[in-house]
């Protein structure tokens, strides 16, 4: 950001008396809500830092790091004492006071828009660092940013500042918000669309290379014939023979390549096993084909809904960041989503719907579109007694987004897995359920 822009915003912030709430709403974005419900977003991404109106900004996920705890503790409900720009640099420092039970607590929120030093730092009244968005040690910089250390000033900037004037700060902030939303939506859609298209192309490649059923059956019959001929001519086969030249049962000459087995009696068994495998593969080929087609359709629905998305929050719900596994889990035979640390399993076809139903525990939540085909969705409780309402509501949106592409109002039935009885396959009966209404734009 330019220096004159930060000057104008610092002056604008001096008109406010209180910080009603302070929280991190994205990896590098802090949202401050001031009196009269004016909300600003402070994006502290290195190289892309900016400030924008955040009236309608939706949180991407919940953050619970020490920085987030300290931010809320020190600034939620705090009175604004002053807003200044230390060292006349690209830094906005908010001096706040929070009235406690016995005395007022002084804190500083220092928002630095200084290139590689871009950061958000919480200081006490003595300039000691309480927490920071990014910790910096002595190996990375002359300026250590760690809790418990006094914050050193930046080296003064000696270059020439760009000059400019912002006539209407609120209009400027609103314009930045619109531009930012459009840019980020385009970037997110492009990035996730590429990933989905790669998945679809890979599955389509697998589908295209499925073997021909008639050829599999023909080869299975051939191996069965080889087994019968080998067993009929065991007396002619010596250990380690590599081929058998004889006649088939109709008197036609035939040459059979033999496996490297020391016992000729095992060779007939070998060919029967190959025949059985191919017969089974041919018999179940339609299942594999249907599985691939349904997974392709699933990702095509996601792609279509991605292209229709109107907000970052909608995209974040469908494409959450990967979670670190605390313990080894069984490889999921379904699509996995994450909502505020809750693992959500979504069946991409009938076979996967059966799998998620069998994997679910009694206290997990089950979701399904009312009176129409859809993915079976399971929110894993992870041993928790209750699943928050907002998590269930987000899972209901996932259920809709992964099942249909048409805009409209959809009903999603929700109940505990213990209330769901499997009738056959993925067909179920259920009781004691609630119904949520989900609007799909």
Protein backbone atom coordinates (compact mmCIF):
# COMPACT_ATOMS: atom_id res chain seq x y z
CA UNK A 1 0.00 0.00 0.00
CA UNK A 2 1.07 3.58 -0.61
CA UNK A 3 2.03 5.86 2.25
CA UNK A 4 -0.59 8.51 1.50
CA UNK A 5 -3.31 5.80 1.47
CA UNK A 6 -2.31 4.67 4.96
CA UNK A 7 -2.25 8.29 6.13
CA UNK A 8 -5.83 8.79 4.93
CA UNK A 9 -6.99 5.56 6.59
CA UNK A 10 -5.24 6.41 9.88
CA UNK A 11 -7.05 9.76 9.89
CA UNK A 12 -10.33 7.95 9.10
CA UNK A 13 -9.83 5.53 12.02
CA UNK A 14 -9.41 8.42 14.46
CA UNK A 15 -13.13 9.13 14.07
CA UNK A 16 -14.02 5.86 15.80
CA UNK A 17 -14.28 5.47 19.56
CA UNK A 18 -14.31 1.70 20.06
CA UNK A 19 -13.30 -1.67 18.61
CA UNK A 20 -16.40 -3.82 19.01
CA UNK A 21 -14.70 -7.02 17.80
CA UNK A 22 -11.33 -8.13 16.46
CA UNK A 23 -10.65 -11.47 14.81
CA UNK A 24 -8.66 -13.18 12.10
CA UNK A 25 -10.98 -14.23 9.27
CA UNK A 26 -8.43 -15.60 6.81
CA UNK A 27 -4.81 -16.72 7.07
CA UNK A 28 -3.48 -13.17 6.77
CA UNK A 29 -6.65 -11.08 7.16
CA UNK A 30 -7.74 -9.34 10.37
CA UNK A 31 -11.26 -7.95 10.59
CA UNK A 32 -11.93 -5.08 12.98
CA UNK A 33 -15.49 -3.94 13.66
CA UNK A 34 -15.67 -0.40 15.01
CA UNK A 35 -18.56 1.58 16.50
CA UNK A 36 -21.58 2.09 14.22
CA UNK A 37 -20.74 -1.41 12.86
CA UNK A 38 -18.10 -0.12 10.44
CA UNK A 39 -15.92 -3.12 9.58
CA UNK A 40 -12.51 -3.02 7.91
CA UNK A 41 -10.35 -5.87 6.68
CA UNK A 42 -6.56 -5.64 7.02
CA UNK A 43 -4.84 -8.06 4.64
CA UNK A 44 -1.25 -8.52 5.80
CA UNK A 45 -0.09 -10.82 3.01
CA UNK A 46 3.48 -10.01 2.04
CA UNK A 47 3.55 -8.25 -1.32
CA UNK A 48 -0.25 -8.04 -1.50
CA UNK A 49 -1.18 -6.15 1.66
CA UNK A 50 -4.25 -3.93 1.56
CA UNK A 51 -7.11 -2.46 3.59
CA UNK A 52 -10.72 -2.73 2.47
CA UNK A 53 -14.30 -2.48 3.65
CA UNK A 54 -15.32 -5.76 5.30
CA UNK A 55 -19.01 -5.18 6.01
CA UNK A 56 -20.02 -8.40 4.24
CA UNK A 57 -16.74 -10.31 4.60
CA UNK A 58 -17.39 -13.89 5.69
CA UNK A 59 -14.88 -15.76 7.79
CA UNK A 60 -13.08 -18.52 5.89
CA UNK A 61 -12.63 -20.63 9.03
CA UNK A 62 -12.11 -20.37 12.78
CA UNK A 63 -8.64 -19.54 14.12
CA UNK A 64 -7.47 -20.47 17.62
CA UNK A 65 -3.74 -19.75 17.62
CA UNK A 66 -2.20 -17.77 20.53
CA UNK A 67 -2.25 -14.65 18.34
CA UNK A 68 -6.02 -14.99 17.80
CA UNK A 69 -6.67 -15.52 21.50
CA UNK A 70 -4.61 -12.46 22.42
CA UNK A 71 -6.23 -10.35 19.69
CA UNK A 72 -9.73 -11.02 21.03
CA UNK A 73 -8.68 -10.75 24.68
CA UNK A 74 -7.03 -7.35 24.28
CA UNK A 75 -9.23 -5.62 21.70
CA UNK A 76 -12.80 -6.96 21.80
CA UNK A 77 -14.78 -4.09 23.30
CA UNK A 78 -11.68 -1.90 23.76
CA UNK A 79 -11.84 1.90 23.66
CA UNK A 80 -9.68 3.59 21.01
CA UNK A 81 -7.30 6.07 22.64
CA UNK A 82 -5.35 7.09 19.54
CA UNK A 83 -4.32 6.01 16.05
CA UNK A 84 -0.84 7.03 14.86
CA UNK A 85 1.87 6.14 12.34
CA UNK A 86 5.15 5.42 14.20
CA UNK A 87 8.38 6.76 12.65
CA UNK A 88 6.24 8.31 9.92
CA UNK A 89 6.40 4.89 8.23
CA UNK A 90 3.85 2.59 6.56
CA UNK A 91 2.56 1.45 9.94
CA UNK A 92 -0.83 1.99 11.54
CA UNK A 93 -0.76 1.63 15.32
CA UNK A 94 -4.02 1.52 17.25
CA UNK A 95 -3.71 2.48 20.90
CA UNK A 96 -6.57 0.83 22.81
CA UNK A 97 -7.72 0.62 26.41
CA UNK A 98 -9.90 -2.13 27.83
CA UNK A 99 -11.58 -1.54 31.19
CA UNK A 100 -11.10 -4.50 33.49
CA UNK A 101 -12.53 -5.32 36.89
CA UNK A 102 -9.83 -3.32 38.70
CA UNK A 103 -8.08 -1.15 36.13
CA UNK A 104 -7.85 -0.33 32.44
CA UNK A 105 -5.53 -2.47 30.31
CA UNK A 106 -3.49 -0.69 27.62
CA UNK A 107 -2.61 -2.43 24.36
CA UNK A 108 -1.29 -1.52 20.94
CA UNK A 109 -2.19 -3.24 17.67
CA UNK A 110 0.59 -2.45 15.22
CA UNK A 111 -0.29 -3.16 11.59
CA UNK A 112 2.83 -2.99 9.42
CA UNK A 113 2.51 -2.69 5.64
CA UNK A 114 6.24 -2.65 5.02
CA UNK A 115 7.09 -5.20 2.34
CA UNK A 116 8.96 -8.17 3.79
CA UNK A 117 8.34 -6.89 7.33
CA UNK A 118 4.54 -6.90 6.81
CA UNK A 119 3.03 -8.11 10.07
CA UNK A 120 0.45 -7.60 12.82
CA UNK A 121 1.98 -7.22 16.27
CA UNK A 122 0.22 -6.90 19.65
CA UNK A 123 2.16 -4.87 22.24
CA UNK A 124 1.63 -4.02 25.89
CA UNK A 125 1.90 -0.51 27.35
CA UNK A 126 5.72 -0.87 27.60
CA UNK A 127 6.20 -1.87 23.96
CA UNK A 128 6.79 -5.53 24.84
CA UNK A 129 5.51 -8.00 22.25
CA UNK A 130 2.57 -10.04 23.50
CA UNK A 131 1.91 -11.89 20.25
CA UNK A 132 2.36 -11.51 16.49
CA UNK A 133 0.81 -12.86 13.32
CA UNK A 134 4.32 -13.86 12.21
CA UNK A 135 7.14 -14.64 14.60
CA UNK A 136 10.61 -13.66 13.39
CA UNK A 137 13.82 -14.98 14.98
CA UNK A 138 17.33 -13.55 14.92
CA UNK A 139 18.41 -15.86 12.09
CA UNK A 140 15.84 -14.30 9.75
CA UNK A 141 16.14 -10.60 10.62
CA UNK A 142 17.90 -8.02 12.78
CA UNK A 143 14.45 -7.26 14.20
CA UNK A 144 13.27 -10.13 16.37
CA UNK A 145 9.50 -10.50 16.70
CA UNK A 146 8.84 -12.94 19.53
CA UNK A 147 6.59 -12.75 22.63
CA UNK A 148 8.27 -11.22 25.67
CA UNK A 149 10.77 -9.13 23.67
CA UNK A 150 10.74 -5.35 23.26
CA UNK A 151 9.92 -4.45 19.67
CA UNK A 152 12.73 -2.63 17.89
CA UNK A 153 11.84 0.15 15.44
CA UNK A 154 12.28 -0.40 11.72
CA UNK A 155 15.18 1.21 9.87
CA UNK A 156 13.82 4.60 8.70
CA UNK A 157 12.69 4.75 5.09
CA UNK A 158 14.70 7.31 3.12
CA UNK A 159 13.16 6.94 -0.33
CA UNK A 160 10.68 9.25 -2.01
CA UNK A 161 7.00 8.79 -1.10
CA UNK A 162 4.28 8.65 -3.74
CA UNK A 163 1.95 11.59 -3.29
CA UNK A 164 -1.81 11.46 -3.62
CA UNK A 165 -5.13 12.35 -2.05
CA UNK A 166 -8.17 10.22 -1.20
CA UNK A 167 -11.24 12.44 -1.26
CA UNK A 168 -13.73 9.90 0.14
CA UNK A 169 -12.10 7.19 2.26
CA UNK A 170 -15.29 5.13 2.71
CA UNK A 171 -15.98 5.06 -1.03
CA UNK A 172 -12.32 4.15 -1.63
CA UNK A 173 -12.51 1.29 0.89
CA UNK A 174 -15.75 -0.01 -0.67
CA UNK A 175 -14.19 0.10 -4.13
CA UNK A 176 -11.15 -1.84 -2.84
CA UNK A 177 -13.48 -4.46 -1.36
CA UNK A 178 -15.33 -4.94 -4.66
CA UNK A 179 -12.10 -5.12 -6.66
CA UNK A 180 -10.56 -7.51 -4.17
CA UNK A 181 -13.61 -9.81 -4.14
CA UNK A 182 -13.73 -10.01 -7.94
CA UNK A 183 -10.00 -10.63 -8.22
CA UNK A 184 -9.92 -13.30 -5.52
CA UNK A 185 -13.02 -15.03 -6.87
CA UNK A 186 -11.40 -15.22 -10.30
CA UNK A 187 -8.14 -16.56 -8.82
CA UNK A 188 -9.85 -19.13 -6.59
CA UNK A 189 -12.12 -20.36 -9.38
CA UNK A 190 -9.19 -20.72 -11.76
CA UNK A 191 -7.04 -22.58 -9.22
CA UNK A 192 -9.72 -25.01 -8.06
CA UNK A 193 -11.09 -25.51 -11.57
CA UNK A 194 -7.66 -26.68 -12.73
CA UNK A 195 -7.54 -29.25 -9.92
CA UNK A 196 -11.04 -30.52 -10.68
CA UNK A 197 -10.34 -30.75 -14.40
CA UNK A 198 -7.22 -32.80 -13.68
CA UNK A 199 -9.24 -35.21 -11.52
CA UNK A 200 -11.93 -35.51 -14.20
CA UNK A 201 -9.31 -36.08 -16.93
CA UNK A 202 -7.57 -38.78 -14.85
CA UNK A 203 -10.84 -40.60 -14.17
CA UNK A 204 -11.87 -40.28 -17.81
CA UNK A 205 -8.53 -41.78 -18.82
CA UNK A 206 -9.18 -44.74 -16.49
CA UNK A 207 -12.66 -45.13 -17.95
CA UNK A 208 -11.36 -45.05 -21.52
CA UNK A 209 -8.80 -47.74 -20.74
CA UNK A 210 -11.15 -50.21 -19.10
CA UNK A 211 -10.76 -53.61 -20.82
CA UNK A 212 -13.40 -54.95 -23.18
CA UNK A 213 -15.76 -57.37 -21.41
CA UNK A 214 -16.01 -59.82 -24.31
CA UNK A 215 -12.21 -60.01 -24.62
CA UNK A 216 -11.88 -60.68 -20.89
CA UNK A 217 -14.44 -63.51 -21.12
CA UNK A 218 -12.70 -64.93 -24.18
CA UNK A 219 -9.33 -64.90 -22.42
CA UNK A 220 -10.86 -66.50 -19.31
CA UNK A 221 -12.17 -69.36 -21.48
CA UNK A 222 -8.74 -69.74 -23.06
CA UNK A 223 -7.06 -70.08 -19.66
CA UNK A 224 -9.72 -72.58 -18.56
CA UNK A 225 -8.95 -74.61 -21.69
CA UNK A 226 -5.21 -74.43 -20.97
CA UNK A 227 -5.84 -75.74 -17.44
CA UNK A 228 -7.83 -78.72 -18.72
CA UNK A 229 -5.23 -79.60 -21.36
CA UNK A 230 -2.35 -79.30 -18.89
CA UNK A 231 -4.09 -81.58 -16.40
CA UNK A 232 -4.82 -84.07 -19.17
CA UNK A 233 -1.15 -84.15 -20.22
CA UNK A 234 0.61 -84.07 -16.86
CA UNK A 235 2.51 -87.24 -17.77
CA UNK A 236 4.20 -85.40 -20.69
CA UNK A 237 5.31 -82.36 -18.66
CA UNK A 238 8.68 -82.40 -16.97
CA UNK A 239 9.70 -80.02 -14.19
CA UNK A 240 10.85 -76.67 -15.53
CA UNK A 241 9.42 -77.23 -19.01
CA UNK A 242 8.67 -73.80 -20.51
CA UNK A 243 5.99 -74.92 -22.97
CA UNK A 244 3.68 -77.78 -23.83
CA UNK A 245 3.19 -78.70 -27.49
CA UNK A 246 0.23 -81.01 -27.98
CA UNK A 247 -3.32 -81.12 -29.38
CA UNK A 248 -6.49 -79.67 -27.92
CA UNK A 249 -9.63 -81.75 -27.35
CA UNK A 250 -10.68 -81.27 -30.97
CA UNK A 251 -7.37 -82.52 -32.38
CA UNK A 252 -5.93 -79.11 -33.29
CA UNK A 253 -2.24 -78.45 -32.58
CA UNK A 254 -1.69 -76.11 -29.59
CA UNK A 255 1.30 -74.62 -27.81
CA UNK A 256 0.90 -73.53 -24.19
CA UNK A 257 3.51 -71.34 -22.48
CA UNK A 258 4.01 -72.87 -19.03
CA UNK A 259 4.68 -70.95 -15.81
CA UNK A 260 7.97 -71.44 -13.99
CA UNK A 261 6.68 -73.95 -11.42
CA UNK A 262 8.69 -76.99 -10.31
CA UNK A 263 5.57 -79.12 -9.78
CA UNK A 264 3.59 -79.73 -13.02
CA UNK A 265 0.43 -80.42 -10.95
CA UNK A 266 0.40 -76.76 -9.90
CA UNK A 267 0.30 -75.57 -13.52
CA UNK A 268 -3.32 -76.55 -14.05
CA UNK A 269 -4.24 -74.74 -10.83
CA UNK A 270 -2.32 -71.69 -12.08
CA UNK A 271 -4.36 -71.46 -15.28
CA UNK A 272 -7.66 -72.06 -13.46
CA UNK A 273 -6.79 -69.19 -11.09
CA UNK A 274 -6.09 -66.86 -14.03
CA UNK A 275 -9.35 -67.91 -15.65
CA UNK A 276 -11.33 -67.26 -12.47
CA UNK A 277 -9.77 -63.83 -11.99
CA UNK A 278 -10.61 -62.74 -15.52
CA UNK A 279 -14.15 -64.12 -15.23
CA UNK A 280 -14.70 -62.16 -12.01
CA UNK A 281 -13.23 -59.03 -13.57
CA UNK A 282 -15.51 -59.37 -16.59
CA UNK A 283 -18.54 -59.96 -14.34
CA UNK A 284 -17.81 -56.87 -12.22
CA UNK A 285 -16.58 -54.62 -15.01
CA UNK A 286 -19.90 -52.76 -15.13
CA UNK A 287 -19.53 -51.89 -11.42
CA UNK A 288 -16.10 -50.36 -11.99
CA UNK A 289 -17.41 -48.51 -15.04
CA UNK A 290 -20.37 -47.11 -13.10
CA UNK A 291 -18.08 -46.12 -10.22
CA UNK A 292 -15.82 -44.11 -12.53
CA UNK A 293 -18.76 -42.47 -14.32
CA UNK A 294 -20.41 -41.45 -11.04
CA UNK A 295 -17.17 -39.97 -9.68
CA UNK A 296 -16.71 -38.02 -12.91
CA UNK A 297 -20.29 -36.72 -12.56
CA UNK A 298 -19.59 -35.78 -8.92
CA UNK A 299 -16.56 -33.65 -9.85
CA UNK A 300 -18.41 -32.15 -12.81
CA UNK A 301 -21.14 -31.00 -10.39
CA UNK A 302 -18.47 -29.49 -8.15
CA UNK A 303 -16.93 -27.74 -11.15
CA UNK A 304 -20.27 -26.31 -12.24
CA UNK A 305 -21.07 -25.12 -8.72
CA UNK A 306 -17.58 -23.61 -8.44
CA UNK A 307 -18.16 -21.58 -11.59
CA UNK A 308 -21.49 -20.37 -10.18
CA UNK A 309 -20.03 -19.41 -6.76
CA UNK A 310 -20.59 -15.79 -5.72
CA UNK A 311 -18.41 -15.62 -2.61
CA UNK A 312 -15.08 -16.80 -1.24
CA UNK A 313 -16.87 -18.44 1.69
CA UNK A 314 -18.88 -20.64 -0.69
CA UNK A 315 -15.66 -21.76 -2.40
CA UNK A 316 -13.87 -22.26 0.94
CA UNK A 317 -16.68 -24.59 2.04
CA UNK A 318 -16.24 -26.81 -1.03
CA UNK A 319 -12.43 -26.63 -1.05
CA UNK A 320 -11.23 -26.41 2.56
CA UNK A 321 -7.51 -26.39 3.36
CA UNK A 322 -5.98 -29.79 4.01
CA UNK A 323 -5.87 -30.85 7.65
CA UNK A 324 -2.88 -32.49 9.26
CA UNK A 325 -3.67 -36.02 10.36
CA UNK A 326 -3.01 -36.52 14.06
CA UNK A 327 -3.25 -40.27 13.71
CA UNK A 328 -3.31 -42.76 10.89
CA UNK A 329 -6.79 -43.18 9.45
CA UNK A 330 -8.27 -45.76 7.13
CA UNK A 331 -8.04 -44.53 3.55
CA UNK A 332 -11.38 -42.94 2.79
CA UNK A 333 -13.45 -44.41 -0.01
CA UNK A 334 -15.30 -41.10 -0.39
CA UNK A 335 -14.74 -37.35 -0.65
CA UNK A 336 -13.52 -35.67 2.54
CA UNK A 337 -14.37 -32.12 3.62
CA UNK A 338 -13.38 -30.26 6.79
CA UNK A 339 -15.60 -27.82 8.70
CA UNK A 340 -14.02 -26.17 11.75
CA UNK A 341 -11.93 -29.28 12.54
CA UNK A 342 -14.90 -31.64 11.97
CA UNK A 343 -14.28 -34.33 9.36
CA UNK A 344 -17.14 -34.67 6.87
CA UNK A 345 -17.49 -37.74 4.64
CA UNK A 346 -19.46 -37.44 1.38
CA UNK A 347 -20.37 -40.39 -0.84
CA UNK A 348 -19.73 -39.79 -4.55
CA UNK A 349 -21.85 -42.74 -5.71
CA UNK A 350 -24.00 -45.56 -4.33
CA UNK A 351 -21.06 -47.74 -3.36
CA UNK A 352 -19.40 -44.89 -1.47
CA UNK A 353 -22.72 -43.97 0.16
CA UNK A 354 -22.82 -47.53 1.54
CA UNK A 355 -19.25 -47.15 2.77
CA UNK A 356 -19.84 -43.88 4.67
CA UNK A 357 -22.96 -45.34 6.29
CA UNK A 358 -20.98 -48.34 7.54
CA UNK A 359 -18.07 -46.18 8.73
CA UNK A 360 -20.26 -43.77 10.73
CA UNK A 361 -20.58 -44.04 14.51
CA UNK A 362 -23.87 -43.81 16.41
CA UNK A 363 -23.27 -40.20 17.51
CA UNK A 364 -22.19 -38.95 14.07
CA UNK A 365 -24.64 -36.78 12.13
CA UNK A 366 -26.21 -38.04 8.90
CA UNK A 367 -27.54 -35.69 6.18
CA UNK A 368 -29.43 -36.33 2.94
CA UNK A 369 -31.62 -34.34 0.56
CA UNK A 370 -35.27 -34.83 1.41
CA UNK A 371 -37.24 -37.14 -0.90
CA UNK A 372 -34.70 -37.14 -3.73
CA UNK A 373 -31.40 -38.84 -4.61
CA UNK A 374 -28.29 -37.24 -3.14
CA UNK A 375 -24.94 -37.88 -1.54
CA UNK A 376 -25.03 -39.35 1.95
CA UNK A 377 -23.13 -36.94 4.20
CA UNK A 378 -21.65 -37.90 7.57
CA UNK A 379 -20.26 -35.40 10.08
CA UNK A 380 -17.91 -37.35 12.33
CA UNK A 381 -18.34 -36.28 15.93
CA UNK A 382 -14.85 -37.42 16.88
CA UNK A 383 -16.04 -38.32 20.36
CA UNK A 384 -17.65 -34.93 20.98
CA UNK A 385 -21.07 -34.99 22.62
CA UNK A 386 -22.47 -32.27 20.39
CA UNK A 387 -21.81 -30.93 16.91
CA UNK A 388 -22.28 -27.13 16.63
CA UNK A 389 -25.30 -25.90 14.70
CA UNK A 390 -23.16 -23.87 12.28
CA UNK A 391 -21.16 -27.00 11.36
CA UNK A 392 -24.38 -28.89 10.58
CA UNK A 393 -25.65 -25.96 8.48
CA UNK A 394 -22.42 -25.87 6.47
CA UNK A 395 -22.57 -29.65 5.98
CA UNK A 396 -26.15 -29.25 4.69
CA UNK A 397 -24.81 -26.78 2.10
CA UNK A 398 -22.14 -29.30 1.10
CA UNK A 399 -24.87 -31.95 0.73
CA UNK A 400 -26.74 -29.67 -1.68
CA UNK A 401 -23.66 -28.47 -3.58
CA UNK A 402 -22.40 -32.01 -4.19
CA UNK A 403 -25.79 -33.38 -5.24
CA UNK A 404 -27.40 -30.77 -7.52
CA UNK A 405 -26.37 -27.90 -9.78
CA UNK A 406 -29.67 -26.07 -10.30
CA UNK A 407 -30.37 -22.97 -8.13
CA UNK A 408 -33.33 -23.19 -5.79
CA UNK A 409 -34.48 -24.01 -2.28
CA UNK A 410 -33.63 -27.50 -1.05
CA UNK A 411 -34.60 -29.42 2.08
CA UNK A 412 -31.96 -31.49 3.89
CA UNK A 413 -32.90 -34.07 6.52
CA UNK A 414 -30.52 -34.34 9.48
CA UNK A 415 -30.35 -36.92 12.28
CA UNK A 416 -27.87 -38.99 14.26
CA UNK A 417 -26.51 -42.05 12.52
CA UNK A 418 -28.11 -44.26 15.21
CA UNK A 419 -31.52 -43.19 13.86
CA UNK A 420 -30.73 -44.41 10.34
CA UNK A 421 -31.47 -48.02 9.40
CA UNK A 422 -29.96 -49.49 6.24
CA UNK A 423 -32.62 -51.30 4.20
CA UNK A 424 -30.50 -52.38 1.26
CA UNK A 425 -27.28 -50.93 -0.11
CA UNK A 426 -27.54 -47.17 0.38
CA UNK A 427 -31.33 -47.20 0.77
CA UNK A 428 -32.31 -46.28 4.32
CA UNK A 429 -35.17 -45.53 6.68
CA UNK A 430 -34.72 -42.92 9.40
CA UNK A 431 -36.56 -41.37 12.34
CA UNK A 432 -36.24 -38.45 14.79
CA UNK A 433 -34.87 -36.07 12.17
CA UNK A 434 -34.81 -32.33 11.62
CA UNK A 435 -35.14 -30.66 8.23
CA UNK A 436 -32.97 -27.70 7.19
CA UNK A 437 -33.77 -25.32 4.36
CA UNK A 438 -30.80 -24.51 2.12
CA UNK A 439 -30.85 -21.76 -0.51
CA UNK A 440 -28.67 -22.43 -3.51
CA UNK A 441 -27.97 -19.39 -5.66
